[in-house]
Amino acid sequence: MLTLQDAVVLEMTTNAYLFYDTLLPHVCRVTVVHPPNVTEVTKAHVKTDKKAAQALAQLLAAGMLKGKGVWIPPHEIRDLRALIARRGKMVRLSTMAMNRLHSLEHRNHLVLPEGPFSPEQRAWWENLPLSDTEKLLVHSDLETLEFARTQVKEIEELLKSKSARDERIPLLVQLPGVAMLTAITILAAIGDITRFPNAKKLVGYAGLGTNVHDSGMTHTSGRITKAGRKDLRYAMVNAANHATANHPHWKKELERLEPHLGRSKAIVAIARKLLVAVWNVLTRQEADRFADPQNVGSPLIPCSRLPGRQEEFARRQVGDRVHPRAVGSTGHRARPAGTPPWIAGPQASALEATDRKEMSGVPNRSALLRSGYFRTLRD
């Protein structure tokens, strides 16, 4: 019989969240540990469920599991993680189906039409002179591709509707390489930013910190640990690749690091710097000082145009999010009328100059910026 004076320790398994939610109201605390972090259990010569449970109970009673517990996210973070994980599986499923169709193309020396995997080309695939077995496989792959794409579209629509209610999204999308889905992935992986007292803790959580051996007069460091959340690490590396290709500041940073690190290590180093920027942006609730005002609003347009969400989304973005260093370093303290409060200084001046441009018939980022998100704010 459990009482409110008891403490429980669990291994992180498939149903750990269920056991945690069930036990928490009946005990004083529930600690969930990741088995690889408890060497007394994983390296035991005789390891059974009974002995592992006994070892965990003894370690908990001795106070040796402090700092080894796994953070249990709230239900909304669990839902976000589940959606992002399912989207990743559907993307991989569609990629596998397309790879199988490409393999069929190579085997039969086919010449693919333009946009071979678009819905309009489905009849072309099904009318190919193939054997009955290959026709069945092609039909199966086309059905798989259509199913996966439909699932991805539905999941993305739900994620966009959730992002419209999150006030941290407008801050994160200002970082180069961080679009809407990347921002949601980062927030789902991090959860509450106050869990990390400094940026170094967040870097270690993502597995982007280096292995270190420091003993006596010997100090060496090696590759990144990769001992953390893979989705967060993957998102930051993708953001780093995009930033170095499109943003002037990070282009220069890559040119500085690449000669002595190589491109791959330089990208990882920039991903780590971007993650430090993420920590500062979320902790201080300030805009990124390297943000390009012409590109800030574009990733937000899909959310601001959700049916019935425009006014609500616009109201949620208005807040005191001025970058103090951007203001203090230039002397520009006044913002143009209608400028969101989280854009200041030279960014505001650049935005005012953008607003003076006339819209052409070709939709570009400036046109989208004016016609979408910021027009909603001014209204």
Protein backbone atom coordinates (compact mmCIF):
# COMPACT_ATOMS: atom_id res chain seq x y z
CA MET A 1 0.00 0.00 0.00
CA LEU A 2 1.48 3.31 -1.08
CA THR A 3 1.26 6.38 1.15
CA LEU A 4 2.00 10.08 0.69
CA GLN A 5 5.31 9.55 2.51
CA ASP A 6 6.61 7.07 -0.07
CA ALA A 7 8.95 7.79 -2.97
CA VAL A 8 8.93 5.76 -6.18
CA VAL A 9 11.61 5.34 -8.84
CA LEU A 10 10.90 4.08 -12.37
CA GLU A 11 12.95 3.25 -15.43
CA MET A 12 12.15 5.27 -18.54
CA THR A 13 10.19 2.84 -20.69
CA THR A 14 7.36 3.00 -23.22
CA ASN A 15 4.62 3.42 -20.61
CA ALA A 16 6.62 5.47 -18.10
CA TYR A 17 4.38 8.53 -18.52
CA LEU A 18 1.29 6.44 -17.73
CA PHE A 19 2.82 5.03 -14.55
CA TYR A 20 4.08 8.48 -13.55
CA ASP A 21 0.64 10.09 -13.93
CA THR A 22 -1.03 7.19 -12.10
CA LEU A 23 1.38 7.08 -9.14
CA LEU A 24 2.03 10.79 -8.60
CA PRO A 25 -1.23 11.59 -6.70
CA HIS A 26 -0.59 8.73 -4.24
CA VAL A 27 3.08 9.30 -3.26
CA CYS A 28 5.27 12.23 -2.31
CA ARG A 29 7.40 12.04 -5.46
CA VAL A 30 8.09 9.88 -8.50
CA THR A 31 11.58 9.79 -10.00
CA VAL A 32 12.05 8.53 -13.56
CA VAL A 33 15.60 7.60 -14.59
CA HIS A 34 17.15 6.77 -17.94
CA PRO A 35 18.76 3.31 -17.51
CA PRO A 36 22.06 4.14 -19.31
CA ASN A 37 22.62 6.88 -16.72
CA VAL A 38 22.53 4.37 -13.86
CA THR A 39 25.64 2.24 -14.32
CA GLU A 40 24.98 0.31 -11.11
CA VAL A 41 22.07 -1.31 -12.95
CA THR A 42 23.25 -1.51 -16.54
CA LYS A 43 26.70 -2.91 -15.71
CA ALA A 44 25.57 -5.47 -13.15
CA HIS A 45 26.82 -9.01 -13.87
CA VAL A 46 23.40 -10.45 -13.02
CA LYS A 47 20.60 -8.22 -14.30
CA THR A 48 16.97 -9.17 -13.86
CA ASP A 49 13.89 -6.99 -13.38
CA LYS A 50 13.78 -7.85 -9.70
CA LYS A 51 17.45 -7.06 -9.08
CA ALA A 52 17.22 -3.85 -11.14
CA ALA A 53 14.22 -2.69 -9.11
CA GLN A 54 16.03 -3.49 -5.87
CA ALA A 55 19.15 -1.62 -6.99
CA LEU A 56 17.12 1.45 -8.01
CA ALA A 57 15.27 1.44 -4.67
CA GLN A 58 18.56 1.27 -2.74
CA LEU A 59 20.08 4.08 -4.79
CA LEU A 60 16.99 6.24 -4.25
CA ALA A 61 17.03 5.60 -0.50
CA ALA A 62 20.72 6.52 -0.36
CA GLY A 63 20.10 9.77 -2.26
CA MET A 64 22.35 8.72 -5.14
CA LEU A 65 19.80 9.44 -7.89
CA LYS A 66 19.78 13.20 -7.40
CA GLY A 67 20.36 14.92 -10.71
CA LYS A 68 19.74 11.69 -12.66
CA GLY A 69 15.99 11.99 -12.94
CA VAL A 70 14.35 12.56 -16.31
CA TRP A 71 12.22 15.67 -16.74
CA ILE A 72 8.59 14.66 -17.25
CA PRO A 73 7.01 17.19 -19.62
CA PRO A 74 3.44 18.45 -19.16
CA HIS A 75 0.72 17.07 -21.38
CA GLU A 76 0.82 19.89 -23.93
CA ILE A 77 4.54 19.29 -24.51
CA ARG A 78 3.92 15.55 -24.83
CA ASP A 79 1.27 16.26 -27.46
CA LEU A 80 3.65 18.49 -29.42
CA ARG A 81 6.38 15.87 -29.30
CA ALA A 82 3.97 13.18 -30.44
CA LEU A 83 2.83 15.31 -33.40
CA ILE A 84 6.38 16.15 -34.44
CA ALA A 85 7.48 12.53 -34.13
CA ARG A 86 4.50 11.36 -36.20
CA ARG A 87 5.23 13.96 -38.87
CA GLY A 88 8.83 12.75 -39.05
CA LYS A 89 7.65 9.17 -39.51
CA MET A 90 5.27 10.19 -42.30
CA VAL A 91 8.03 12.15 -44.06
CA ARG A 92 10.32 9.12 -43.89
CA LEU A 93 7.50 6.91 -45.14
CA SER A 94 6.94 9.12 -48.19
CA THR A 95 10.69 9.21 -48.85
CA MET A 96 10.87 5.41 -48.78
CA ALA A 97 7.97 5.15 -51.23
CA MET A 98 9.60 7.61 -53.64
CA ASN A 99 12.92 5.77 -53.39
CA ARG A 100 11.21 2.50 -54.32
CA LEU A 101 9.60 4.18 -57.34
CA HIS A 102 12.98 5.57 -58.36
CA SER A 103 14.41 2.06 -58.09
CA LEU A 104 11.67 0.82 -60.43
CA GLU A 105 12.57 3.60 -62.84
CA HIS A 106 16.23 2.52 -62.92
CA ARG A 107 15.40 -1.16 -63.36
CA ASN A 108 13.13 -0.50 -66.32
CA HIS A 109 15.11 2.38 -67.88
CA LEU A 110 12.15 4.74 -67.70
CA VAL A 111 12.19 8.46 -68.51
CA LEU A 112 10.24 10.21 -65.78
CA PRO A 113 7.90 13.09 -66.62
CA GLU A 114 8.17 16.46 -64.94
CA GLY A 115 6.98 16.28 -61.36
CA PRO A 116 6.87 12.48 -61.33
CA PHE A 117 5.37 12.18 -57.84
CA SER A 118 2.65 14.80 -58.22
CA PRO A 119 -0.98 13.61 -58.13
CA GLU A 120 -1.33 14.51 -61.82
CA GLN A 121 1.24 11.87 -62.80
CA ARG A 122 -0.42 8.99 -60.98
CA ALA A 123 -2.12 7.76 -64.18
CA TRP A 124 1.28 7.69 -65.90
CA TRP A 125 2.66 5.32 -63.26
CA GLU A 126 -0.37 3.03 -63.30
CA ASN A 127 -0.37 2.72 -67.12
CA LEU A 128 3.24 1.60 -67.41
CA PRO A 129 3.76 -1.77 -69.22
CA LEU A 130 4.85 -3.73 -66.16
CA SER A 131 4.29 -7.20 -64.78
CA ASP A 132 1.36 -7.84 -62.47
CA THR A 133 3.65 -7.91 -59.44
CA GLU A 134 5.33 -4.62 -60.32
CA LYS A 135 1.96 -2.99 -61.02
CA LEU A 136 0.77 -4.02 -57.57
CA LEU A 137 3.95 -2.65 -55.97
CA VAL A 138 3.64 0.62 -57.86
CA HIS A 139 0.02 0.98 -56.80
CA SER A 140 0.98 0.25 -53.20
CA ASP A 141 3.77 2.85 -53.25
CA LEU A 142 1.49 5.48 -54.79
CA GLU A 143 -1.13 4.82 -52.11
CA THR A 144 1.55 5.04 -49.42
CA LEU A 145 2.84 8.32 -50.83
CA GLU A 146 -0.65 9.83 -50.97
CA PHE A 147 -1.43 8.68 -47.42
CA ALA A 148 1.85 10.02 -46.01
CA ARG A 149 1.43 13.40 -47.68
CA THR A 150 -2.13 13.73 -46.42
CA GLN A 151 -1.02 12.93 -42.89
CA VAL A 152 1.85 15.43 -43.06
CA LYS A 153 -0.50 18.16 -44.28
CA GLU A 154 -3.02 17.52 -41.50
CA ILE A 155 -0.32 17.43 -38.83
CA GLU A 156 1.24 20.67 -40.09
CA GLU A 157 -2.12 22.42 -40.04
CA LEU A 158 -2.62 21.41 -36.41
CA LEU A 159 0.92 22.49 -35.50
CA LYS A 160 0.35 25.88 -37.15
CA SER A 161 -2.87 26.38 -35.21
CA LYS A 162 -1.02 25.57 -31.98
CA SER A 163 1.83 27.93 -32.86
CA ALA A 164 -0.65 30.79 -33.33
CA ARG A 165 -1.32 30.65 -29.59
CA ASP A 166 2.35 30.54 -28.51
CA GLU A 167 3.91 33.92 -27.80
CA ARG A 168 7.45 32.53 -28.11
CA ILE A 169 7.10 31.73 -31.81
CA PRO A 170 7.53 35.35 -33.07
CA LEU A 171 10.82 35.53 -31.18
CA LEU A 172 12.24 32.27 -32.50
CA VAL A 173 11.33 32.73 -36.16
CA GLN A 174 13.56 35.80 -36.25
CA LEU A 175 16.58 33.54 -35.90
CA PRO A 176 18.06 32.68 -39.31
CA GLY A 177 17.14 29.20 -40.45
CA VAL A 178 14.30 28.86 -37.94
CA ALA A 179 10.92 28.66 -39.66
CA MET A 180 7.60 27.77 -38.08
CA LEU A 181 8.04 23.99 -37.85
CA THR A 182 11.62 24.32 -36.63
CA ALA A 183 10.51 26.73 -33.92
CA ILE A 184 7.82 24.32 -32.76
CA THR A 185 10.34 21.47 -32.75
CA ILE A 186 12.71 23.52 -30.60
CA LEU A 187 9.98 24.47 -28.13
CA ALA A 188 8.71 20.89 -27.90
CA ALA A 189 12.22 19.61 -27.17
CA ILE A 190 13.10 22.33 -24.65
CA GLY A 191 9.80 22.75 -22.84
CA ASP A 192 10.24 25.35 -20.11
CA ILE A 193 13.42 27.34 -20.77
CA THR A 194 13.80 28.08 -17.04
CA ARG A 195 14.89 24.45 -16.62
CA PHE A 196 18.26 25.52 -17.98
CA PRO A 197 20.10 28.01 -15.74
CA ASN A 198 22.55 28.86 -18.52
CA ALA A 199 23.09 28.28 -22.22
CA LYS A 200 25.76 25.65 -21.57
CA LYS A 201 23.16 23.39 -19.95
CA LEU A 202 20.91 23.69 -23.00
CA VAL A 203 23.83 22.91 -25.33
CA GLY A 204 24.56 19.78 -23.30
CA TYR A 205 20.88 18.81 -23.37
CA ALA A 206 21.00 18.86 -27.17
CA GLY A 207 24.19 16.80 -27.26
CA LEU A 208 26.08 19.60 -29.02
CA GLY A 209 28.69 19.94 -26.27
CA THR A 210 32.11 18.32 -26.65
CA ASN A 211 33.51 15.34 -24.79
CA VAL A 212 35.94 16.62 -22.15
CA HIS A 213 38.67 14.85 -20.18
CA ASP A 214 40.12 17.11 -17.48
CA SER A 215 42.32 15.43 -14.89
CA GLY A 216 45.48 16.75 -13.28
CA MET A 217 47.56 18.51 -15.92
CA THR A 218 45.69 16.85 -18.78
CA HIS A 219 42.84 18.59 -20.55
CA THR A 220 41.48 17.24 -23.83
CA SER A 221 38.26 17.67 -25.71
CA GLY A 222 36.85 15.64 -28.57
CA ARG A 223 33.76 15.32 -30.70
CA ILE A 224 30.28 16.36 -29.64
CA THR A 225 28.66 14.00 -27.16
CA LYS A 226 25.40 13.42 -29.09
CA ALA A 227 24.01 12.48 -25.65
CA GLY A 228 20.79 14.44 -25.74
CA ARG A 229 17.66 15.08 -27.72
CA LYS A 230 18.27 14.10 -31.32
CA ASP A 231 15.36 16.16 -32.67
CA LEU A 232 16.72 19.38 -31.14
CA ARG A 233 20.24 18.68 -32.41
CA TYR A 234 18.93 17.89 -35.90
CA ALA A 235 16.81 21.06 -35.98
CA MET A 236 19.74 23.27 -34.99
CA VAL A 237 22.09 21.72 -37.57
CA ASN A 238 19.46 22.29 -40.27
CA ALA A 239 19.06 25.88 -39.09
CA ALA A 240 22.84 26.34 -39.22
CA ASN A 241 22.99 25.07 -42.80
CA HIS A 242 20.26 27.49 -43.83
CA ALA A 243 21.77 30.41 -41.91
CA THR A 244 25.22 29.99 -43.45
CA ALA A 245 23.67 29.93 -46.91
CA ASN A 246 21.40 32.97 -46.54
CA HIS A 247 22.43 35.23 -43.65
CA PRO A 248 25.43 37.62 -43.97
CA HIS A 249 26.54 37.31 -40.36
CA TRP A 250 26.57 33.52 -40.33
CA LYS A 251 28.16 33.39 -43.78
CA LYS A 252 31.11 35.32 -42.34
CA GLU A 253 31.17 33.03 -39.32
CA LEU A 254 31.38 29.98 -41.58
CA GLU A 255 34.18 31.59 -43.59
CA ARG A 256 36.05 32.18 -40.34
CA LEU A 257 35.63 28.67 -38.93
CA GLU A 258 35.78 26.49 -42.03
CA PRO A 259 39.51 26.84 -42.87
CA HIS A 260 40.71 25.26 -39.61
CA LEU A 261 37.69 23.10 -38.66
CA GLY A 262 36.34 21.85 -41.97
CA ARG A 263 32.81 22.46 -43.14
CA SER A 264 31.05 19.76 -41.08
CA LYS A 265 32.58 20.81 -37.77
CA ALA A 266 32.05 24.46 -38.60
CA ILE A 267 28.33 23.84 -39.19
CA VAL A 268 28.09 22.04 -35.84
CA ALA A 269 29.86 24.95 -34.14
CA ILE A 270 27.40 27.41 -35.70
CA ALA A 271 24.49 25.17 -34.63
CA ARG A 272 25.81 25.41 -31.08
CA LYS A 273 26.02 29.21 -31.35
CA LEU A 274 22.46 29.35 -32.67
CA LEU A 275 21.29 27.26 -29.73
CA VAL A 276 22.96 29.73 -27.38
CA ALA A 277 21.03 32.46 -29.20
CA VAL A 278 17.82 30.45 -28.68
CA TRP A 279 18.49 30.35 -24.93
CA ASN A 280 19.09 34.10 -24.79
CA VAL A 281 16.03 34.92 -26.89
CA LEU A 282 13.69 32.76 -24.80
CA THR A 283 15.21 33.71 -21.46
CA ARG A 284 15.35 37.45 -22.00
CA GLN A 285 12.26 37.63 -24.22
CA GLU A 286 14.19 39.81 -26.64
CA ALA A 287 14.40 39.83 -30.40
CA ASP A 288 17.49 38.45 -32.12
CA ARG A 289 19.89 41.30 -32.81
CA PHE A 290 20.81 39.80 -36.21
CA ALA A 291 17.19 39.48 -37.38
CA ASP A 292 16.34 40.74 -40.86
CA PRO A 293 13.12 42.82 -40.57
CA GLN A 294 12.12 42.04 -44.17
CA ASN A 295 12.04 38.32 -43.38
CA VAL A 296 10.60 38.40 -39.87
CA GLY A 297 6.91 38.36 -40.76
CA SER A 298 6.95 35.90 -43.63
CA PRO A 299 7.09 32.69 -41.53
CA LEU A 300 4.22 34.01 -39.42
CA ILE A 301 1.83 34.54 -42.32
CA PRO A 302 0.53 30.93 -42.35
CA CYS A 303 -0.57 31.41 -38.75
CA SER A 304 -1.91 34.93 -39.05
CA ARG A 305 -4.19 33.82 -41.91
CA LEU A 306 -5.79 30.92 -40.10
CA PRO A 307 -9.58 31.35 -40.23
CA GLY A 308 -10.80 33.32 -37.25
CA ARG A 309 -7.30 33.67 -35.78
CA GLN A 310 -6.03 36.90 -37.36
CA GLU A 311 -7.08 39.34 -34.65
CA GLU A 312 -6.29 36.95 -31.81
CA PHE A 313 -2.85 36.20 -33.25
CA ALA A 314 -2.13 39.89 -33.79
CA ARG A 315 -3.07 40.78 -30.21
CA ARG A 316 -0.87 38.01 -28.82
CA GLN A 317 2.21 39.34 -30.62
CA VAL A 318 1.99 42.86 -29.18
CA GLY A 319 4.24 43.10 -26.17
CA ASP A 320 7.34 44.80 -24.82
CA ARG A 321 9.99 42.82 -26.71
CA VAL A 322 12.40 45.55 -27.75
CA HIS A 323 16.01 44.53 -28.11
CA PRO A 324 17.79 46.89 -25.66
CA ARG A 325 21.23 46.49 -27.22
CA ALA A 326 19.84 47.31 -30.65
CA VAL A 327 18.29 50.46 -29.21
CA GLY A 328 21.21 51.49 -27.03
CA SER A 329 23.93 50.93 -29.60
CA THR A 330 22.39 53.10 -32.32
CA GLY A 331 20.40 55.74 -30.50
CA HIS A 332 17.23 54.93 -32.48
CA ARG A 333 14.53 54.83 -29.81
CA ALA A 334 11.40 55.70 -31.75
CA ARG A 335 9.61 53.05 -33.79
CA PRO A 336 7.57 53.83 -36.91
CA ALA A 337 3.82 53.73 -36.42
CA GLY A 338 2.48 50.20 -36.65
CA THR A 339 5.84 48.54 -36.06
CA PRO A 340 5.63 45.52 -33.73
CA PRO A 341 7.22 46.29 -30.33
CA TRP A 342 9.73 43.45 -30.68
CA ILE A 343 11.44 45.23 -33.63
CA ALA A 344 13.52 48.25 -32.68
CA GLY A 345 16.34 50.55 -33.69
CA PRO A 346 17.88 49.90 -37.12
CA GLN A 347 15.34 47.14 -37.72
CA ALA A 348 12.52 49.66 -37.36
CA SER A 349 14.24 52.05 -39.75
CA ALA A 350 14.69 49.29 -42.30
CA LEU A 351 11.06 48.28 -41.91
CA GLU A 352 9.94 51.87 -42.46
CA ALA A 353 12.01 51.96 -45.65
CA THR A 354 10.40 48.70 -46.75
CA ASP A 355 6.93 50.12 -46.14
CA ARG A 356 7.69 52.96 -48.55
CA LYS A 357 8.28 50.51 -51.41
CA GLU A 358 5.37 50.02 -53.79
CA MET A 359 4.10 46.51 -54.24
CA SER A 360 4.70 45.01 -57.67
CA GLY A 361 2.63 42.36 -59.39
CA VAL A 362 5.13 39.64 -58.36
CA PRO A 363 4.65 38.49 -54.76
CA ASN A 364 7.91 38.71 -52.84
CA ARG A 365 8.87 38.70 -49.18
CA SER A 366 8.36 42.44 -48.80
CA ALA A 367 4.95 42.24 -50.44
CA LEU A 368 3.92 39.33 -48.28
CA LEU A 369 5.20 41.13 -45.22
CA ARG A 370 3.08 44.17 -45.97
CA SER A 371 -0.04 42.38 -47.11
CA GLY A 372 -0.11 39.75 -44.38
CA TYR A 373 1.16 39.89 -40.86
CA PHE A 374 2.07 43.52 -40.28
CA ARG A 375 -1.06 44.86 -41.95
CA THR A 376 -3.04 42.81 -39.45
CA LEU A 377 -1.05 44.40 -36.63
CA ARG A 378 -1.67 47.92 -37.91
CA ASP A 379 -5.42 47.23 -38.12
